[in-house]
Amino acid sequence: MATSFARGLLPLFGGDYAAGAEPAKGLEQWQLALGEASLPNRLQISIKDKLLQTADIEVGLLEATYCSELFFVPANILIPELMSLWTTDPFELACLADSRVPIAAAAPMSRSKFP
C-alpha cells in the first residue's frame, strides 16, 4: 500500500512520469516519494471490514491519513496549533507536533465472496 500511496505523492516532489521527465530526475523524485510514504510517522492506514455485505460481495472501507508538510509561514505554525485543540488521536497529535497537518481520505473496497 505504501508503494501505491507513493505514486499519489509523486507530484508533491515534482515528479510526473507521464510528462516524460528525465529518468535520473524522475528516479530521485520517486525515491523521495517512496521514502516519505514509508516513514511510520507520515502515513497511517486502517481497513474497516464488512461495512456492507450481500450474497455476492463484501464492501469495506480503507482509510488513510497522511501527515503533510506545510510550507508557508505563518500557516505552518498557526494551523497545527489550532488543530491540536480539537483532536485526541495520537497519530494526528504527533503529526501536529511535527508542524505538519493530517490529511485523511477514505475509499470503499469490495471483494467477491466467490473465487
C-alpha atoms as a PDB file:
ATOM      1  CA  MET A   1       0.000   0.000   0.000  1.00  0.00           C
ATOM      2  CA  ALA A   2       2.881   2.358   0.707  1.00  0.00           C
ATOM      3  CA  THR A   3       4.063   1.990  -2.913  1.00  0.00           C
ATOM      4  CA  SER A   4       0.632   2.922  -4.248  1.00  0.00           C
ATOM      5  CA  PHE A   5       0.482   5.853  -1.864  1.00  0.00           C
ATOM      6  CA  ALA A   6       3.941   6.995  -3.007  1.00  0.00           C
ATOM      7  CA  ARG A   7       2.605   7.150  -6.587  1.00  0.00           C
ATOM      8  CA  GLY A   8      -0.047   9.561  -5.352  1.00  0.00           C
ATOM      9  CA  LEU A   9       2.571  11.655  -3.533  1.00  0.00           C
ATOM     10  CA  LEU A  10       4.873  11.886  -6.549  1.00  0.00           C
ATOM     11  CA  PRO A  11       3.505  15.246  -7.789  1.00  0.00           C
ATOM     12  CA  LEU A  12       4.351  16.790  -4.388  1.00  0.00           C
ATOM     13  CA  PHE A  13       8.009  16.109  -5.158  1.00  0.00           C
ATOM     14  CA  GLY A  14       7.819  17.462  -8.712  1.00  0.00           C
ATOM     15  CA  GLY A  15       7.661  14.070 -10.383  1.00  0.00           C
ATOM     16  CA  ASP A  16       5.431  13.110 -13.267  1.00  0.00           C
ATOM     17  CA  TYR A  17       6.393  10.039 -15.263  1.00  0.00           C
ATOM     18  CA  ALA A  18       3.593  10.676 -17.753  1.00  0.00           C
ATOM     19  CA  ALA A  19       5.108  14.046 -18.730  1.00  0.00           C
ATOM     20  CA  GLY A  20       8.326  12.381 -19.925  1.00  0.00           C
ATOM     21  CA  ALA A  21      10.618  13.554 -17.120  1.00  0.00           C
ATOM     22  CA  GLU A  22      14.304  12.718 -17.300  1.00  0.00           C
ATOM     23  CA  PRO A  23      14.878   9.186 -15.932  1.00  0.00           C
ATOM     24  CA  ALA A  24      17.536  10.244 -13.382  1.00  0.00           C
ATOM     25  CA  LYS A  25      15.473  13.165 -12.119  1.00  0.00           C
ATOM     26  CA  GLY A  26      12.311  11.040 -12.057  1.00  0.00           C
ATOM     27  CA  LEU A  27      14.092   8.326 -10.085  1.00  0.00           C
ATOM     28  CA  GLU A  28      15.252  10.829  -7.479  1.00  0.00           C
ATOM     29  CA  GLN A  29      11.702  12.172  -7.072  1.00  0.00           C
ATOM     30  CA  TRP A  30      10.310   8.636  -6.894  1.00  0.00           C
ATOM     31  CA  GLN A  31      12.775   7.774  -4.119  1.00  0.00           C
ATOM     32  CA  LEU A  32      11.715  10.884  -2.172  1.00  0.00           C
ATOM     33  CA  ALA A  33       8.021   9.993  -2.500  1.00  0.00           C
ATOM     34  CA  LEU A  34       8.612   6.352  -1.567  1.00  0.00           C
ATOM     35  CA  GLY A  35      10.743   7.374   1.412  1.00  0.00           C
ATOM     36  CA  GLU A  36       8.034   9.745   2.627  1.00  0.00           C
ATOM     37  CA  ALA A  37       5.307   7.080   2.318  1.00  0.00           C
ATOM     38  CA  SER A  38       7.495   4.504   4.093  1.00  0.00           C
ATOM     39  CA  LEU A  39       8.023   6.549   7.268  1.00  0.00           C
ATOM     40  CA  PRO A  40       5.787   5.255  10.082  1.00  0.00           C
ATOM     41  CA  ASN A  41       5.036   8.764  11.333  1.00  0.00           C
ATOM     42  CA  ARG A  42       3.853  10.014   7.916  1.00  0.00           C
ATOM     43  CA  LEU A  43       1.150   7.531   6.892  1.00  0.00           C
ATOM     44  CA  GLN A  44      -1.497   5.676   8.857  1.00  0.00           C
ATOM     45  CA  ILE A  45      -3.703   3.141   7.069  1.00  0.00           C
ATOM     46  CA  SER A  46      -6.694   1.374   8.560  1.00  0.00           C
ATOM     47  CA  ILE A  47      -9.170  -1.031   6.988  1.00  0.00           C
ATOM     48  CA  LYS A  48     -12.712  -1.261   8.277  1.00  0.00           C
ATOM     49  CA  ASP A  49     -14.099  -4.564   7.104  1.00  0.00           C
ATOM     50  CA  LYS A  50     -17.631  -5.561   6.166  1.00  0.00           C
ATOM     51  CA  LEU A  51     -19.478  -2.273   6.214  1.00  0.00           C
ATOM     52  CA  LEU A  52     -21.894  -3.754   3.685  1.00  0.00           C
ATOM     53  CA  GLN A  53     -22.453  -7.393   2.871  1.00  0.00           C
ATOM     54  CA  THR A  54     -24.671  -9.001   0.238  1.00  0.00           C
ATOM     55  CA  ALA A  55     -24.905 -12.535  -1.068  1.00  0.00           C
ATOM     56  CA  ASP A  56     -22.170 -11.874  -3.643  1.00  0.00           C
ATOM     57  CA  ILE A  57     -19.843  -9.193  -2.270  1.00  0.00           C
ATOM     58  CA  GLU A  58     -18.428  -7.645   0.870  1.00  0.00           C
ATOM     59  CA  VAL A  59     -17.625  -3.944   0.986  1.00  0.00           C
ATOM     60  CA  GLY A  60     -15.137  -2.470   3.416  1.00  0.00           C
ATOM     61  CA  LEU A  61     -13.515   0.914   3.828  1.00  0.00           C
ATOM     62  CA  LEU A  62      -9.852   1.853   3.514  1.00  0.00           C
ATOM     63  CA  GLU A  63      -8.874   4.972   5.455  1.00  0.00           C
ATOM     64  CA  ALA A  64      -5.517   6.682   5.024  1.00  0.00           C
ATOM     65  CA  THR A  65      -4.180   9.681   6.933  1.00  0.00           C
ATOM     66  CA  TYR A  66      -1.098  11.438   5.580  1.00  0.00           C
ATOM     67  CA  CYS A  67       0.957  13.827   7.676  1.00  0.00           C
ATOM     68  CA  SER A  68       1.556  16.633   5.171  1.00  0.00           C
ATOM     69  CA  GLU A  69       4.206  19.306   5.458  1.00  0.00           C
ATOM     70  CA  LEU A  70       3.142  22.946   5.430  1.00  0.00           C
ATOM     71  CA  PHE A  71       5.391  25.369   3.577  1.00  0.00           C
ATOM     72  CA  PHE A  72       4.013  28.849   4.224  1.00  0.00           C
ATOM     73  CA  VAL A  73       4.703  30.964   7.298  1.00  0.00           C
ATOM     74  CA  PRO A  74       2.658  31.597   9.487  1.00  0.00           C
ATOM     75  CA  ALA A  75       0.355  28.771   8.320  1.00  0.00           C
ATOM     76  CA  ASN A  76       2.952  26.149   9.273  1.00  0.00           C
ATOM     77  CA  ILE A  77       2.784  27.414  12.879  1.00  0.00           C
ATOM     78  CA  LEU A  78      -0.803  28.599  13.253  1.00  0.00           C
ATOM     79  CA  ILE A  79      -2.726  25.715  11.657  1.00  0.00           C
ATOM     80  CA  PRO A  80      -1.083  22.895  13.682  1.00  0.00           C
ATOM     81  CA  GLU A  81      -1.597  24.884  16.900  1.00  0.00           C
ATOM     82  CA  LEU A  82      -5.293  25.388  16.180  1.00  0.00           C
ATOM     83  CA  MET A  83      -5.917  21.819  15.016  1.00  0.00           C
ATOM     84  CA  SER A  84      -4.263  20.370  18.124  1.00  0.00           C
ATOM     85  CA  LEU A  85      -7.047  21.935  20.209  1.00  0.00           C
ATOM     86  CA  TRP A  86      -9.751  19.608  18.874  1.00  0.00           C
ATOM     87  CA  THR A  87      -8.080  16.255  18.194  1.00  0.00           C
ATOM     88  CA  THR A  88      -7.224  13.467  20.614  1.00  0.00           C
ATOM     89  CA  ASP A  89      -5.898  10.966  18.083  1.00  0.00           C
ATOM     90  CA  PRO A  90      -2.240  10.113  18.942  1.00  0.00           C
ATOM     91  CA  PHE A  91      -1.162   9.937  15.265  1.00  0.00           C
ATOM     92  CA  GLU A  92      -2.717  13.318  14.493  1.00  0.00           C
ATOM     93  CA  LEU A  93      -1.238  14.911  17.627  1.00  0.00           C
ATOM     94  CA  ALA A  94       2.239  13.635  16.701  1.00  0.00           C
ATOM     95  CA  CYS A  95       1.757  14.988  13.192  1.00  0.00           C
ATOM     96  CA  LEU A  96       0.715  18.403  14.507  1.00  0.00           C
ATOM     97  CA  ALA A  97       3.623  18.471  16.986  1.00  0.00           C
ATOM     98  CA  ASP A  98       5.916  17.976  13.974  1.00  0.00           C
ATOM     99  CA  SER A  99       4.405  21.157  12.375  1.00  0.00           C
ATOM    100  CA  ARG A 100       2.556  19.045   9.816  1.00  0.00           C
ATOM    101  CA  VAL A 101      -1.151  18.632   9.123  1.00  0.00           C
ATOM    102  CA  PRO A 102      -3.051  15.321   8.974  1.00  0.00           C
ATOM    103  CA  ILE A 103      -4.988  14.884   5.735  1.00  0.00           C
ATOM    104  CA  ALA A 104      -7.438  11.980   5.673  1.00  0.00           C
ATOM    105  CA  ALA A 105      -9.040  10.141   2.768  1.00  0.00           C
ATOM    106  CA  ALA A 106     -11.339   7.126   2.603  1.00  0.00           C
ATOM    107  CA  ALA A 107     -12.120   4.746  -0.243  1.00  0.00           C
ATOM    108  CA  PRO A 108     -14.501   1.790  -0.475  1.00  0.00           C
ATOM    109  CA  MET A 109     -13.049  -1.640  -1.215  1.00  0.00           C
ATOM    110  CA  SER A 110     -15.124  -4.559  -2.462  1.00  0.00           C
ATOM    111  CA  ARG A 111     -14.383  -8.213  -2.886  1.00  0.00           C
ATOM    112  CA  SER A 112     -16.339 -11.112  -4.232  1.00  0.00           C
ATOM    113  CA  LYS A 113     -17.283 -13.898  -1.858  1.00  0.00           C
ATOM    114  CA  PHE A 114     -16.774 -16.397  -4.626  1.00  0.00           C
ATOM    115  CA  PRO A 115     -13.470 -17.068  -6.400  1.00  0.00           C
END
